[in-house]
Amino acid sequence: MKARDVVVVDGVRTAFGRAGEKGFFWHTRADDMVVRVIRELLRRNPKVTREMVEENVWGATTQEGDQGLTLGRTSALLAGLPESCSGCSVDRMCAGGLTAITTAASEIALGACDIAIAGGVEHMGHHPMGATADPNPRFLTERLVSEDALVMGKTAENLHDLYPEITKEMADEYALHSQLKTARGYAEGKIQKMIVPMTVYTKEGWIVADRDQQPRPETTMEGLASLKTPFRIQGKVTPGNSSGLNDGAAAVLLMSADKAAELGVEGRLRLKGYAYAGVRPEIMGYGPIPATRKALERTGLSMEDMGVIELNEAFAVQAIIFMKEFGLKFPDDERLNALGGAIAFGHPLAGSGPRLVIHLLSLFSDRPDLRYGMTTMCVGLGQGATAIWERV
C-alpha cells in the first residue's frame, strides 16, 4: 500500500495568555479552549461537516484535571463532533502538539481515516510544568540524567557553556528582533487573522481574549541588559531572552489530498516528512539540530530548499545555535521566524507546535514563491522535533 499525501487545510489558535492569576485564561478551562478552536476550524471550513471528522488528536504535557481524561475524546464530544469520531491524547512535552499533528497525519497517510483535527493545549496556570511529576529517583541517584535536565533555564545556560562565543548581548539582540517582528506582524494585521477571539471571565469581568498577552513591543536592548539571570549567577539566560509561561490552544485541520480534491477544499500545505531525535537531556535545546538533519536527509532536501523556517524560541541561545549550525544569518535571517517567535508570543508547551504550522500557512499565503517550509522545536528531557512542509 502506498502512503497517501496528507494536506493541511487550515489552522487557528486562541490568543496566548500569561500563566497565573494575571492571565486572562485563569478562570477558563483548558478543554474549553480546545473546544473553541475545534468549532472555529469547522466554522471557517463549511465544506467539512462535523460528521466527516473521524479523528481528534491533542497534545498536552500535563494530562490531568481539565487537560486529562483523554482530552482528544472528551473535547470531540464537547465540541459536538459525532460519537463516531475517535480521539486520543499524546505527550511529547513541548512537541506534544506537533506530535499530535504527525500522529494524525500518519493515520491519514495509511488510510485509517480521511479527515482529522490535531493540535495542542497547555494551561500552565492550572498546571505548572512538572508540578505533579514524580521522576524516578534513579534518574539522579544513578546519574542517568543531570539535575539540570529538570530545569529548562539551566539547560539553556549549559548551551551557552557549549558555545561560549554566544554572548548574553547576542541572546538579547536576538530576543529584541523577535519582539520587533511580532510587533510588525500585529501592525500589519497578520497575527490577528490566526487567532479565534474567546470571551472569558477575569477578575475585571468578562473580556474578549483576542490578542496575545506576552509580546512587549516596547523592548529595548537597555531594558534587556538590566534583567537578572535567575538560573546562574552572572549567567546569560534572562526572562527577556527566554519564552514565557503561557496558556493557549492551537490546532490544524488535516485530510488526505484525495479527500480535499473530492470536497473541493484547498489543501494548502503537504506534509513532506518529519523526524524526532534525542540528545542529552541537560542540553535539550540542541535537539532541533539532529532532528532537522534527520528530516532533511529522509526527504532528500537541504536547508537551502527551505524558503521559511519556523523555530520555536524556547531560549534565544537555542535559536542562535540552530542558526550557526545551519548557516543562517545572525541576528535576523529573513527566512527564520518572519513573524517573531515564542520569546514574543510565549510558549504554552504543547500549543506551540501547531502555532508554528499556522505561521507557515500565513507565510505561504503571502509568498507564492515559496515551495518548502520547516517547523522545528526543542523538547524537554532532550529531544528535537522537525517537520517539513511543501506547497500543494
Foldseek 3Di string as FASTA:
>chain_A
DFFFWKFFQAKAKAAKFAAAQPTQCLVPFFLVRVLLRVLVQCVVPVLQDLAQAAEFEEEEADADDSNHPFSQQVSNVVNPRDNNHYYGYDYQWLQRQVVQVVVVSRCQRVPVGFKHKTKYWFRCNVPPPPPPDDDDPCCPVVVVADPLLSPVLQLLLVLCVVVVVCALLQLLVLLLVLLQLQVVCVVVVNVLVRHDWDWGQHPVGIDIRRHHPFRDNVDDSVVSVPFASVPDHVTRFGLLQAFHAITMMMMTMMGGPVVCVVSVGDRFKIFQWKFKFFDRSSNQLLAQPVRVVVGCVVSVHAPVLAQAEEEARRGSSSVVVNCVVRVADPPCRCRYPSNHHRSRSGRSRRRRQNVSVNVVSSVCVVDVVHFKHKYKYGTRNGMIIMIMIGGD
